[in-house]
């Protein structure tokens, strides 16, 4: 069983949201599920740089944090679809605001990121 080496620090809202959204692909997964891409294969096509394993882990974590839920259809082959919960939908305006900020500051952000 996995045991954390660093204890959780949940003293403020930023700590909480960091714990829930920490993961390279989680924000994109939420955004794409909101746009209607619900099947794991669709999400994999939208995020080709992510491995299927990592996407599955991050989808499971989003599910554990009650931001997404999934429907499993009893058919062969099995079909799974993800959707945002009502709680998950409350994050979409926040993600949109972050994306707009990134778009407005794209040039400056590229400079500082590529400066490394």
PDB file of N, CA and C in Angstrom:
ATOM      1  N   UNK A   1       0.839  -1.181   0.000  1.00  0.00           N
ATOM      2  CA  UNK A   1       0.000   0.000   0.000  1.00  0.00           C
ATOM      3  C   UNK A   1       0.885   1.247   0.000  1.00  0.00           C
ATOM      4  N   UNK A   2       0.480   2.239  -0.758  1.00  0.00           N
ATOM      5  CA  UNK A   2       1.232   3.486  -0.857  1.00  0.00           C
ATOM      6  C   UNK A   2       1.121   4.279   0.437  1.00  0.00           C
ATOM      7  N   UNK A   3       2.254   4.759   0.909  1.00  0.00           N
ATOM      8  CA  UNK A   3       2.267   5.610   2.097  1.00  0.00           C
ATOM      9  C   UNK A   3       3.002   6.894   1.759  1.00  0.00           C
ATOM     10  N   UNK A   4       2.379   8.017   2.067  1.00  0.00           N
ATOM     11  CA  UNK A   4       2.975   9.323   1.779  1.00  0.00           C
ATOM     12  C   UNK A   4       4.245   9.538   2.577  1.00  0.00           C
ATOM     13  N   UNK A   5       5.259  10.072   1.892  1.00  0.00           N
ATOM     14  CA  UNK A   5       6.496  10.419   2.576  1.00  0.00           C
ATOM     15  C   UNK A   5       6.400  11.812   3.203  1.00  0.00           C
ATOM     16  N   UNK A   6       5.631  12.669   2.566  1.00  0.00           N
ATOM     17  CA  UNK A   6       5.427  14.029   3.071  1.00  0.00           C
ATOM     18  C   UNK A   6       3.972  14.138   3.522  1.00  0.00           C
ATOM     19  N   UNK A   7       3.747  14.514   4.769  1.00  0.00           N
ATOM     20  CA  UNK A   7       2.359  14.602   5.243  1.00  0.00           C
ATOM     21  C   UNK A   7       1.573  15.687   4.509  1.00  0.00           C
ATOM     22  N   UNK A   8       0.274  15.474   4.413  1.00  0.00           N
ATOM     23  CA  UNK A   8      -0.610  16.456   3.781  1.00  0.00           C
ATOM     24  C   UNK A   8      -0.613  17.755   4.564  1.00  0.00           C
ATOM     25  N   UNK A   9      -0.619  18.855   3.830  1.00  0.00           N
ATOM     26  CA  UNK A   9      -0.733  20.176   4.437  1.00  0.00           C
ATOM     27  C   UNK A   9      -1.966  20.818   3.811  1.00  0.00           C
ATOM     28  N   UNK A  10      -3.063  20.816   4.540  1.00  0.00           N
ATOM     29  CA  UNK A  10      -4.331  21.317   4.011  1.00  0.00           C
ATOM     30  C   UNK A  10      -4.827  22.492   4.841  1.00  0.00           C
ATOM     31  N   UNK A  11      -3.970  23.504   4.969  1.00  0.00           N
ATOM     32  CA  UNK A  11      -4.284  24.633   5.833  1.00  0.00           C
ATOM     33  C   UNK A  11      -5.071  25.743   5.158  1.00  0.00           C
ATOM     34  N   UNK A  12      -5.137  25.733   3.827  1.00  0.00           N
ATOM     35  CA  UNK A  12      -5.871  26.807   3.142  1.00  0.00           C
ATOM     36  C   UNK A  12      -6.435  26.280   1.831  1.00  0.00           C
ATOM     37  N   UNK A  13      -7.240  27.104   1.198  1.00  0.00           N
ATOM     38  CA  UNK A  13      -7.869  26.717  -0.057  1.00  0.00           C
ATOM     39  C   UNK A  13      -6.874  26.376  -1.155  1.00  0.00           C
ATOM     40  N   UNK A  14      -5.742  27.092  -1.199  1.00  0.00           N
ATOM     41  CA  UNK A  14      -4.740  26.798  -2.225  1.00  0.00           C
ATOM     42  C   UNK A  14      -4.121  25.420  -2.012  1.00  0.00           C
ATOM     43  N   UNK A  15      -3.906  25.042  -0.764  1.00  0.00           N
ATOM     44  CA  UNK A  15      -3.398  23.699  -0.472  1.00  0.00           C
ATOM     45  C   UNK A  15      -4.410  22.645  -0.923  1.00  0.00           C
ATOM     46  N   UNK A  16      -5.676  22.901  -0.640  1.00  0.00           N
ATOM     47  CA  UNK A  16      -6.724  21.950  -0.997  1.00  0.00           C
ATOM     48  C   UNK A  16      -6.842  21.782  -2.507  1.00  0.00           C
ATOM     49  N   UNK A  17      -6.893  22.897  -3.224  1.00  0.00           N
ATOM     50  CA  UNK A  17      -7.042  22.793  -4.684  1.00  0.00           C
ATOM     51  C   UNK A  17      -5.786  22.202  -5.315  1.00  0.00           C
ATOM     52  N   UNK A  18      -4.622  22.492  -4.735  1.00  0.00           N
ATOM     53  CA  UNK A  18      -3.386  21.882  -5.231  1.00  0.00           C
ATOM     54  C   UNK A  18      -3.425  20.374  -5.068  1.00  0.00           C
ATOM     55  N   UNK A  19      -3.917  19.904  -3.955  1.00  0.00           N
ATOM     56  CA  UNK A  19      -4.007  18.461  -3.713  1.00  0.00           C
ATOM     57  C   UNK A  19      -4.969  17.804  -4.700  1.00  0.00           C
ATOM     58  N   UNK A  20      -6.063  18.466  -4.990  1.00  0.00           N
ATOM     59  CA  UNK A  20      -7.073  17.895  -5.887  1.00  0.00           C
ATOM     60  C   UNK A  20      -6.644  17.965  -7.348  1.00  0.00           C
ATOM     61  N   UNK A  21      -5.995  19.057  -7.758  1.00  0.00           N
ATOM     62  CA  UNK A  21      -5.655  19.254  -9.169  1.00  0.00           C
ATOM     63  C   UNK A  21      -4.202  18.967  -9.504  1.00  0.00           C
ATOM     64  N   UNK A  22      -3.388  18.576  -8.508  1.00  0.00           N
ATOM     65  CA  UNK A  22      -2.003  18.263  -8.791  1.00  0.00           C
ATOM     66  C   UNK A  22      -1.943  17.070  -9.730  1.00  0.00           C
ATOM     67  N   UNK A  23      -1.244  17.229 -10.806  1.00  0.00           N
ATOM     68  CA  UNK A  23      -1.137  16.197 -11.834  1.00  0.00           C
ATOM     69  C   UNK A  23      -1.113  16.897 -13.178  1.00  0.00           C
ATOM     70  N   UNK A  24      -0.180  16.517 -14.006  1.00  0.00           N
ATOM     71  CA  UNK A  24       0.058  17.232 -15.253  1.00  0.00           C
ATOM     72  C   UNK A  24      -1.175  17.330 -16.153  1.00  0.00           C
ATOM     73  N   UNK A  25      -2.028  16.325 -16.134  1.00  0.00           N
ATOM     74  CA  UNK A  25      -3.116  16.288 -17.115  1.00  0.00           C
ATOM     75  C   UNK A  25      -4.503  16.535 -16.537  1.00  0.00           C
ATOM     76  N   UNK A  26      -4.634  16.710 -15.242  1.00  0.00           N
ATOM     77  CA  UNK A  26      -5.967  16.784 -14.629  1.00  0.00           C
ATOM     78  C   UNK A  26      -6.800  17.960 -15.127  1.00  0.00           C
ATOM     79  N   UNK A  27      -6.198  19.118 -15.239  1.00  0.00           N
ATOM     80  CA  UNK A  27      -6.967  20.281 -15.701  1.00  0.00           C
ATOM     81  C   UNK A  27      -7.438  20.063 -17.135  1.00  0.00           C
ATOM     82  N   UNK A  28      -6.550  19.529 -17.974  1.00  0.00           N
ATOM     83  CA  UNK A  28      -6.956  19.240 -19.357  1.00  0.00           C
ATOM     84  C   UNK A  28      -8.052  18.182 -19.399  1.00  0.00           C
ATOM     85  N   UNK A  29      -7.929  17.147 -18.586  1.00  0.00           N
ATOM     86  CA  UNK A  29      -8.966  16.115 -18.561  1.00  0.00           C
ATOM     87  C   UNK A  29     -10.322  16.717 -18.205  1.00  0.00           C
ATOM     88  N   UNK A  30     -10.356  17.545 -17.185  1.00  0.00           N
ATOM     89  CA  UNK A  30     -11.617  18.186 -16.799  1.00  0.00           C
ATOM     90  C   UNK A  30     -12.169  19.024 -17.950  1.00  0.00           C
ATOM     91  N   UNK A  31     -11.289  19.780 -18.603  1.00  0.00           N
ATOM     92  CA  UNK A  31     -11.728  20.652 -19.695  1.00  0.00           C
ATOM     93  C   UNK A  31     -12.293  19.836 -20.855  1.00  0.00           C
ATOM     94  N   UNK A  32     -11.571  18.791 -21.256  1.00  0.00           N
ATOM     95  CA  UNK A  32     -12.016  17.987 -22.397  1.00  0.00           C
ATOM     96  C   UNK A  32     -13.281  17.195 -22.073  1.00  0.00           C
ATOM     97  N   UNK A  33     -13.417  16.712 -20.848  1.00  0.00           N
ATOM     98  CA  UNK A  33     -14.653  16.017 -20.474  1.00  0.00           C
ATOM     99  C   UNK A  33     -15.816  17.003 -20.538  1.00  0.00           C
ATOM    100  N   UNK A  34     -15.588  18.223 -20.095  1.00  0.00           N
ATOM    101  CA  UNK A  34     -16.626  19.255 -20.179  1.00  0.00           C
ATOM    102  C   UNK A  34     -17.000  19.554 -21.630  1.00  0.00           C
ATOM    103  N   UNK A  35     -16.029  19.470 -22.537  1.00  0.00           N
ATOM    104  CA  UNK A  35     -16.311  19.725 -23.960  1.00  0.00           C
ATOM    105  C   UNK A  35     -17.020  18.556 -24.640  1.00  0.00           C
ATOM    106  N   UNK A  36     -17.173  17.441 -23.944  1.00  0.00           N
ATOM    107  CA  UNK A  36     -17.915  16.324 -24.508  1.00  0.00           C
ATOM    108  C   UNK A  36     -17.069  15.122 -24.886  1.00  0.00           C
ATOM    109  N   UNK A  37     -15.763  15.170 -24.647  1.00  0.00           N
ATOM    110  CA  UNK A  37     -14.909  14.013 -24.918  1.00  0.00           C
ATOM    111  C   UNK A  37     -14.937  13.136 -23.677  1.00  0.00           C
ATOM    112  N   UNK A  38     -15.667  12.038 -23.763  1.00  0.00           N
ATOM    113  CA  UNK A  38     -15.956  11.283 -22.549  1.00  0.00           C
ATOM    114  C   UNK A  38     -15.324   9.901 -22.507  1.00  0.00           C
ATOM    115  N   UNK A  39     -15.014   9.330 -23.639  1.00  0.00           N
ATOM    116  CA  UNK A  39     -14.441   7.989 -23.658  1.00  0.00           C
ATOM    117  C   UNK A  39     -12.932   8.077 -23.434  1.00  0.00           C
ATOM    118  N   UNK A  40     -12.344   7.104 -22.741  1.00  0.00           N
ATOM    119  CA  UNK A  40     -10.895   7.130 -22.518  1.00  0.00           C
ATOM    120  C   UNK A  40     -10.093   7.241 -23.815  1.00  0.00           C
ATOM    121  N   UNK A  41     -10.539   6.585 -24.866  1.00  0.00           N
ATOM    122  CA  UNK A  41      -9.816   6.659 -26.142  1.00  0.00           C
ATOM    123  C   UNK A  41      -9.886   8.072 -26.737  1.00  0.00           C
ATOM    124  N   UNK A  42     -11.007   8.756 -26.558  1.00  0.00           N
ATOM    125  CA  UNK A  42     -11.126  10.141 -27.029  1.00  0.00           C
ATOM    126  C   UNK A  42     -10.188  11.047 -26.253  1.00  0.00           C
ATOM    127  N   UNK A  43     -10.131  10.848 -24.944  1.00  0.00           N
ATOM    128  CA  UNK A  43      -9.246  11.666 -24.105  1.00  0.00           C
ATOM    129  C   UNK A  43      -7.789  11.406 -24.462  1.00  0.00           C
ATOM    130  N   UNK A  44      -7.458  10.153 -24.763  1.00  0.00           N
ATOM    131  CA  UNK A  44      -6.092   9.809 -25.170  1.00  0.00           C
ATOM    132  C   UNK A  44      -5.726  10.521 -26.469  1.00  0.00           C
ATOM    133  N   UNK A  45      -6.662  10.608 -27.400  1.00  0.00           N
ATOM    134  CA  UNK A  45      -6.395  11.316 -28.664  1.00  0.00           C
ATOM    135  C   UNK A  45      -6.220  12.811 -28.443  1.00  0.00           C
ATOM    136  N   UNK A  46      -6.969  13.367 -27.480  1.00  0.00           N
ATOM    137  CA  UNK A  46      -6.854  14.804 -27.200  1.00  0.00           C
ATOM    138  C   UNK A  46      -5.555  15.124 -26.458  1.00  0.00           C
ATOM    139  N   UNK A  47      -4.997  14.162 -25.729  1.00  0.00           N
ATOM    140  CA  UNK A  47      -3.766  14.369 -24.953  1.00  0.00           C
ATOM    141  C   UNK A  47      -2.776  13.263 -25.338  1.00  0.00           C
ATOM    142  N   UNK A  48      -2.254  13.305 -26.559  1.00  0.00           N
ATOM    143  CA  UNK A  48      -1.404  12.201 -27.032  1.00  0.00           C
ATOM    144  C   UNK A  48      -0.075  12.055 -26.289  1.00  0.00           C
ATOM    145  N   UNK A  49       0.400  13.113 -25.631  1.00  0.00           N
ATOM    146  CA  UNK A  49       1.672  13.024 -24.906  1.00  0.00           C
ATOM    147  C   UNK A  49       1.547  12.247 -23.600  1.00  0.00           C
ATOM    148  N   UNK A  50       0.344  12.041 -23.125  1.00  0.00           N
ATOM    149  CA  UNK A  50       0.131  11.332 -21.862  1.00  0.00           C
ATOM    150  C   UNK A  50      -0.027   9.840 -22.139  1.00  0.00           C
ATOM    151  N   UNK A  51       0.562   9.023 -21.287  1.00  0.00           N
ATOM    152  CA  UNK A  51       0.385   7.583 -21.440  1.00  0.00           C
ATOM    153  C   UNK A  51      -1.011   7.195 -20.963  1.00  0.00           C
ATOM    154  N   UNK A  52      -1.504   6.108 -21.488  1.00  0.00           N
ATOM    155  CA  UNK A  52      -2.840   5.623 -21.111  1.00  0.00           C
ATOM    156  C   UNK A  52      -2.885   5.351 -19.601  1.00  0.00           C
ATOM    157  N   UNK A  53      -1.794   4.796 -19.064  1.00  0.00           N
ATOM    158  CA  UNK A  53      -1.714   4.469 -17.636  1.00  0.00           C
ATOM    159  C   UNK A  53      -1.854   5.725 -16.778  1.00  0.00           C
ATOM    160  N   UNK A  54      -1.120   6.779 -17.127  1.00  0.00           N
ATOM    161  CA  UNK A  54      -1.174   8.018 -16.345  1.00  0.00           C
ATOM    162  C   UNK A  54      -2.557   8.643 -16.440  1.00  0.00           C
ATOM    163  N   UNK A  55      -3.143   8.645 -17.636  1.00  0.00           N
ATOM    164  CA  UNK A  55      -4.501   9.189 -17.769  1.00  0.00           C
ATOM    165  C   UNK A  55      -5.483   8.416 -16.898  1.00  0.00           C
ATOM    166  N   UNK A  56      -5.364   7.094 -16.889  1.00  0.00           N
ATOM    167  CA  UNK A  56      -6.265   6.282 -16.058  1.00  0.00           C
ATOM    168  C   UNK A  56      -6.078   6.586 -14.574  1.00  0.00           C
ATOM    169  N   UNK A  57      -4.831   6.749 -14.143  1.00  0.00           N
ATOM    170  CA  UNK A  57      -4.568   7.076 -12.738  1.00  0.00           C
ATOM    171  C   UNK A  57      -5.178   8.420 -12.385  1.00  0.00           C
ATOM    172  N   UNK A  58      -4.969   9.416 -13.262  1.00  0.00           N
ATOM    173  CA  UNK A  58      -5.477  10.752 -12.961  1.00  0.00           C
ATOM    174  C   UNK A  58      -6.998  10.804 -13.050  1.00  0.00           C
ATOM    175  N   UNK A  59      -7.600  10.058 -13.965  1.00  0.00           N
ATOM    176  CA  UNK A  59      -9.065   9.981 -14.015  1.00  0.00           C
ATOM    177  C   UNK A  59      -9.598   9.345 -12.730  1.00  0.00           C
ATOM    178  N   UNK A  60      -8.915   8.317 -12.246  1.00  0.00           N
ATOM    179  CA  UNK A  60      -9.333   7.671 -10.996  1.00  0.00           C
ATOM    180  C   UNK A  60      -9.244   8.646  -9.825  1.00  0.00           C
ATOM    181  N   UNK A  61      -8.169   9.447  -9.774  1.00  0.00           N
ATOM    182  CA  UNK A  61      -8.034  10.437  -8.703  1.00  0.00           C
ATOM    183  C   UNK A  61      -9.124  11.499  -8.794  1.00  0.00           C
ATOM    184  N   UNK A  62      -9.435  11.948 -10.009  1.00  0.00           N
ATOM    185  CA  UNK A  62     -10.517  12.926 -10.182  1.00  0.00           C
ATOM    186  C   UNK A  62     -11.850  12.328  -9.727  1.00  0.00           C
ATOM    187  N   UNK A  63     -12.007  11.043  -9.973  1.00  0.00           N
ATOM    188  CA  UNK A  63     -13.217  10.349  -9.528  1.00  0.00           C
ATOM    189  C   UNK A  63     -13.253  10.264  -7.997  1.00  0.00           C
ATOM    190  N   UNK A  64     -12.118   9.949  -7.383  1.00  0.00           N
ATOM    191  CA  UNK A  64     -12.047   9.873  -5.918  1.00  0.00           C
ATOM    192  C   UNK A  64     -12.324  11.225  -5.264  1.00  0.00           C
ATOM    193  N   UNK A  65     -11.961  12.309  -5.963  1.00  0.00           N
ATOM    194  CA  UNK A  65     -12.207  13.655  -5.442  1.00  0.00           C
ATOM    195  C   UNK A  65     -13.581  14.187  -5.846  1.00  0.00           C
ATOM    196  N   UNK A  66     -14.395  13.318  -6.440  1.00  0.00           N
ATOM    197  CA  UNK A  66     -15.785  13.612  -6.803  1.00  0.00           C
ATOM    198  C   UNK A  66     -15.933  14.728  -7.829  1.00  0.00           C
ATOM    199  N   UNK A  67     -14.927  14.877  -8.697  1.00  0.00           N
ATOM    200  CA  UNK A  67     -15.005  15.868  -9.771  1.00  0.00           C
ATOM    201  C   UNK A  67     -15.539  15.238 -11.051  1.00  0.00           C
ATOM    202  N   UNK A  68     -15.263  13.968 -11.262  1.00  0.00           N
ATOM    203  CA  UNK A  68     -15.815  13.234 -12.399  1.00  0.00           C
ATOM    204  C   UNK A  68     -16.437  11.945 -11.898  1.00  0.00           C
ATOM    205  N   UNK A  69     -17.303  11.409 -12.697  1.00  0.00           N
ATOM    206  CA  UNK A  69     -17.896  10.109 -12.425  1.00  0.00           C
ATOM    207  C   UNK A  69     -17.875   9.340 -13.739  1.00  0.00           C
ATOM    208  N   UNK A  70     -18.043   8.045 -13.653  1.00  0.00           N
ATOM    209  CA  UNK A  70     -18.029   7.266 -14.886  1.00  0.00           C
ATOM    210  C   UNK A  70     -19.212   6.323 -14.936  1.00  0.00           C
ATOM    211  N   UNK A  71     -19.606   6.045 -16.153  1.00  0.00           N
ATOM    212  CA  UNK A  71     -20.644   5.070 -16.417  1.00  0.00           C
ATOM    213  C   UNK A  71     -19.995   3.912 -17.152  1.00  0.00           C
ATOM    214  N   UNK A  72     -20.209   2.720 -16.664  1.00  0.00           N
ATOM    215  CA  UNK A  72     -19.698   1.518 -17.321  1.00  0.00           C
ATOM    216  C   UNK A  72     -20.895   0.801 -17.934  1.00  0.00           C
ATOM    217  N   UNK A  73     -20.856   0.625 -19.254  1.00  0.00           N
ATOM    218  CA  UNK A  73     -21.939  -0.036 -19.965  1.00  0.00           C
ATOM    219  C   UNK A  73     -21.633  -1.527 -20.053  1.00  0.00           C
ATOM    220  N   UNK A  74     -22.612  -2.348 -19.706  1.00  0.00           N
ATOM    221  CA  UNK A  74     -22.446  -3.805 -19.728  1.00  0.00           C
ATOM    222  C   UNK A  74     -22.618  -4.307 -21.149  1.00  0.00           C
ATOM    223  N   UNK A  75     -21.537  -4.310 -21.877  1.00  0.00           N
ATOM    224  CA  UNK A  75     -21.541  -4.812 -23.252  1.00  0.00           C
ATOM    225  C   UNK A  75     -20.148  -5.341 -23.560  1.00  0.00           C
ATOM    226  N   UNK A  76     -20.017  -6.014 -24.658  1.00  0.00           N
ATOM    227  CA  UNK A  76     -18.708  -6.506 -25.088  1.00  0.00           C
ATOM    228  C   UNK A  76     -18.329  -5.824 -26.383  1.00  0.00           C
ATOM    229  N   UNK A  77     -17.189  -5.191 -26.470  1.00  0.00           N
ATOM    230  CA  UNK A  77     -16.269  -4.919 -25.364  1.00  0.00           C
ATOM    231  C   UNK A  77     -16.872  -3.869 -24.431  1.00  0.00           C
ATOM    232  N   UNK A  78     -16.432  -3.850 -23.158  1.00  0.00           N
ATOM    233  CA  UNK A  78     -16.987  -2.883 -22.206  1.00  0.00           C
ATOM    234  C   UNK A  78     -16.776  -1.445 -22.676  1.00  0.00           C
ATOM    235  N   UNK A  79     -17.739  -0.614 -22.379  1.00  0.00           N
ATOM    236  CA  UNK A  79     -17.679   0.798 -22.761  1.00  0.00           C
ATOM    237  C   UNK A  79     -17.746   1.634 -21.491  1.00  0.00           C
ATOM    238  N   UNK A  80     -16.826   2.598 -21.391  1.00  0.00           N
ATOM    239  CA  UNK A  80     -16.772   3.484 -20.227  1.00  0.00           C
ATOM    240  C   UNK A  80     -16.872   4.919 -20.717  1.00  0.00           C
ATOM    241  N   UNK A  81     -17.671   5.716 -20.036  1.00  0.00           N
ATOM    242  CA  UNK A  81     -17.768   7.144 -20.333  1.00  0.00           C
ATOM    243  C   UNK A  81     -17.631   7.933 -19.036  1.00  0.00           C
ATOM    244  N   UNK A  82     -16.873   9.022 -19.100  1.00  0.00           N
ATOM    245  CA  UNK A  82     -16.689   9.909 -17.960  1.00  0.00           C
ATOM    246  C   UNK A  82     -17.535  11.159 -18.158  1.00  0.00           C
ATOM    247  N   UNK A  83     -18.000  11.720 -17.066  1.00  0.00           N
ATOM    248  CA  UNK A  83     -18.725  12.984 -17.115  1.00  0.00           C
ATOM    249  C   UNK A  83     -18.409  13.769 -15.856  1.00  0.00           C
ATOM    250  N   UNK A  84     -18.563  15.090 -15.945  1.00  0.00           N
ATOM    251  CA  UNK A  84     -18.330  15.940 -14.790  1.00  0.00           C
ATOM    252  C   UNK A  84     -19.502  15.838 -13.827  1.00  0.00           C
ATOM    253  N   UNK A  85     -19.184  15.785 -12.561  1.00  0.00           N
ATOM    254  CA  UNK A  85     -20.228  15.874 -11.540  1.00  0.00           C
ATOM    255  C   UNK A  85     -20.619  17.349 -11.420  1.00  0.00           C
ATOM    256  N   UNK A  86     -21.664  17.624 -10.684  1.00  0.00           N
ATOM    257  CA  UNK A  86     -22.039  19.020 -10.443  1.00  0.00           C
ATOM    258  C   UNK A  86     -20.893  19.758  -9.756  1.00  0.00           C
ATOM    259  N   UNK A  87     -20.217  19.069  -8.840  1.00  0.00           N
ATOM    260  CA  UNK A  87     -19.060  19.645  -8.148  1.00  0.00           C
ATOM    261  C   UNK A  87     -17.932  19.941  -9.149  1.00  0.00           C
ATOM    262  N   UNK A  88     -17.689  19.030 -10.060  1.00  0.00           N
ATOM    263  CA  UNK A  88     -16.659  19.227 -11.083  1.00  0.00           C
ATOM    264  C   UNK A  88     -16.974  20.394 -12.008  1.00  0.00           C
ATOM    265  N   UNK A  89     -18.260  20.578 -12.308  1.00  0.00           N
ATOM    266  CA  UNK A  89     -18.674  21.682 -13.186  1.00  0.00           C
ATOM    267  C   UNK A  89     -18.351  23.044 -12.574  1.00  0.00           C
ATOM    268  N   UNK A  90     -18.275  23.110 -11.243  1.00  0.00           N
ATOM    269  CA  UNK A  90     -17.960  24.395 -10.608  1.00  0.00           C
ATOM    270  C   UNK A  90     -16.519  24.822 -10.870  1.00  0.00           C
ATOM    271  N   UNK A  91     -15.665  23.900 -11.298  1.00  0.00           N
ATOM    272  CA  UNK A  91     -14.265  24.229 -11.608  1.00  0.00           C
ATOM    273  C   UNK A  91     -14.079  24.810 -13.010  1.00  0.00           C
ATOM    274  N   UNK A  92     -15.039  24.600 -13.898  1.00  0.00           N
ATOM    275  CA  UNK A  92     -14.875  25.021 -15.295  1.00  0.00           C
ATOM    276  C   UNK A  92     -14.663  26.531 -15.423  1.00  0.00           C
ATOM    277  N   UNK A  93     -15.399  27.396 -14.722  1.00  0.00           N
ATOM    278  CA  UNK A  93     -15.109  28.836 -14.833  1.00  0.00           C
ATOM    279  C   UNK A  93     -13.701  29.187 -14.339  1.00  0.00           C
ATOM    280  N   UNK A  94     -13.217  28.475 -13.335  1.00  0.00           N
ATOM    281  CA  UNK A  94     -11.861  28.713 -12.819  1.00  0.00           C
ATOM    282  C   UNK A  94     -10.831  28.308 -13.866  1.00  0.00           C
ATOM    283  N   UNK A  95     -11.015  27.145 -14.467  1.00  0.00           N
ATOM    284  CA  UNK A  95     -10.096  26.664 -15.504  1.00  0.00           C
ATOM    285  C   UNK A  95     -10.136  27.606 -16.700  1.00  0.00           C
ATOM    286  N   UNK A  96     -11.322  28.071 -17.057  1.00  0.00           N
ATOM    287  CA  UNK A  96     -11.463  29.010 -18.172  1.00  0.00           C
ATOM    288  C   UNK A  96     -10.712  30.306 -17.886  1.00  0.00           C
ATOM    289  N   UNK A  97     -10.835  30.821 -16.655  1.00  0.00           N
ATOM    290  CA  UNK A  97     -10.122  32.052 -16.286  1.00  0.00           C
ATOM    291  C   UNK A  97      -8.609  31.849 -16.357  1.00  0.00           C
ATOM    292  N   UNK A  98      -8.123  30.704 -15.901  1.00  0.00           N
ATOM    293  CA  UNK A  98      -6.689  30.414 -15.984  1.00  0.00           C
ATOM    294  C   UNK A  98      -6.233  30.340 -17.445  1.00  0.00           C
ATOM    295  N   UNK A  99      -7.039  29.691 -18.280  1.00  0.00           N
ATOM    296  CA  UNK A  99      -6.704  29.595 -19.703  1.00  0.00           C
ATOM    297  C   UNK A  99      -6.678  30.959 -20.373  1.00  0.00           C
ATOM    298  N   UNK A 100      -7.644  31.809 -20.044  1.00  0.00           N
ATOM    299  CA  UNK A 100      -7.670  33.168 -20.605  1.00  0.00           C
ATOM    300  C   UNK A 100      -6.452  33.963 -20.168  1.00  0.00           C
ATOM    301  N   UNK A 101      -6.068  33.824 -18.897  1.00  0.00           N
ATOM    302  CA  UNK A 101      -4.878  34.515 -18.394  1.00  0.00           C
ATOM    303  C   UNK A 101      -3.642  34.035 -19.155  1.00  0.00           C
ATOM    304  N   UNK A 102      -3.549  32.734 -19.372  1.00  0.00           N
ATOM    305  CA  UNK A 102      -2.425  32.187 -20.135  1.00  0.00           C
ATOM    306  C   UNK A 102      -2.400  32.713 -21.559  1.00  0.00           C
ATOM    307  N   UNK A 103      -3.576  32.795 -22.196  1.00  0.00           N
ATOM    308  CA  UNK A 103      -3.653  33.329 -23.561  1.00  0.00           C
ATOM    309  C   UNK A 103      -3.232  34.797 -23.601  1.00  0.00           C
ATOM    310  N   UNK A 104      -3.683  35.585 -22.616  1.00  0.00           N
ATOM    311  CA  UNK A 104      -3.363  37.015 -22.587  1.00  0.00           C
ATOM    312  C   UNK A 104      -1.882  37.266 -22.324  1.00  0.00           C
ATOM    313  N   UNK A 105      -1.225  36.350 -21.663  1.00  0.00           N
ATOM    314  CA  UNK A 105       0.183  36.527 -21.304  1.00  0.00           C
ATOM    315  C   UNK A 105       1.084  35.513 -22.005  1.00  0.00           C
ATOM    316  N   UNK A 106       0.618  34.989 -23.117  1.00  0.00           N
ATOM    317  CA  UNK A 106       1.314  33.911 -23.814  1.00  0.00           C
ATOM    318  C   UNK A 106       2.765  34.268 -24.147  1.00  0.00           C
ATOM    319  N   UNK A 107       2.967  35.417 -24.740  1.00  0.00           N
ATOM    320  CA  UNK A 107       4.315  35.793 -25.168  1.00  0.00           C
ATOM    321  C   UNK A 107       5.277  35.871 -23.978  1.00  0.00           C
ATOM    322  N   UNK A 108       4.844  36.545 -22.944  1.00  0.00           N
ATOM    323  CA  UNK A 108       5.697  36.692 -21.760  1.00  0.00           C
ATOM    324  C   UNK A 108       5.966  35.338 -21.090  1.00  0.00           C
ATOM    325  N   UNK A 109       4.940  34.519 -20.989  1.00  0.00           N
ATOM    326  CA  UNK A 109       5.091  33.208 -20.367  1.00  0.00           C
ATOM    327  C   UNK A 109       6.051  32.316 -21.165  1.00  0.00           C
ATOM    328  N   UNK A 110       5.926  32.350 -22.492  1.00  0.00           N
ATOM    329  CA  UNK A 110       6.856  31.569 -23.325  1.00  0.00           C
ATOM    330  C   UNK A 110       8.298  31.999 -23.103  1.00  0.00           C
ATOM    331  N   UNK A 111       8.503  33.314 -22.981  1.00  0.00           N
ATOM    332  CA  UNK A 111       9.855  33.832 -22.751  1.00  0.00           C
ATOM    333  C   UNK A 111      10.432  33.306 -21.444  1.00  0.00           C
ATOM    334  N   UNK A 112       9.686  33.409 -20.372  1.00  0.00           N
ATOM    335  CA  UNK A 112      10.220  33.003 -19.078  1.00  0.00           C
ATOM    336  C   UNK A 112      10.354  31.488 -18.971  1.00  0.00           C
ATOM    337  N   UNK A 113       9.472  30.755 -19.620  1.00  0.00           N
ATOM    338  CA  UNK A 113       9.558  29.290 -19.576  1.00  0.00           C
ATOM    339  C   UNK A 113      10.752  28.800 -20.391  1.00  0.00           C
ATOM    340  N   UNK A 114      10.943  29.382 -21.566  1.00  0.00           N
ATOM    341  CA  UNK A 114      12.018  28.927 -22.454  1.00  0.00           C
ATOM    342  C   UNK A 114      13.381  29.483 -22.059  1.00  0.00           C
ATOM    343  N   UNK A 115      13.413  30.410 -21.098  1.00  0.00           N
ATOM    344  CA  UNK A 115      14.663  31.027 -20.653  1.00  0.00           C
ATOM    345  C   UNK A 115      15.539  30.007 -19.906  1.00  0.00           C
ATOM    346  N   UNK A 116      14.951  28.992 -19.356  1.00  0.00           N
ATOM    347  CA  UNK A 116      15.670  28.023 -18.524  1.00  0.00           C
ATOM    348  C   UNK A 116      16.838  27.404 -19.239  1.00  0.00           C
TER     349      UNK A 116
END
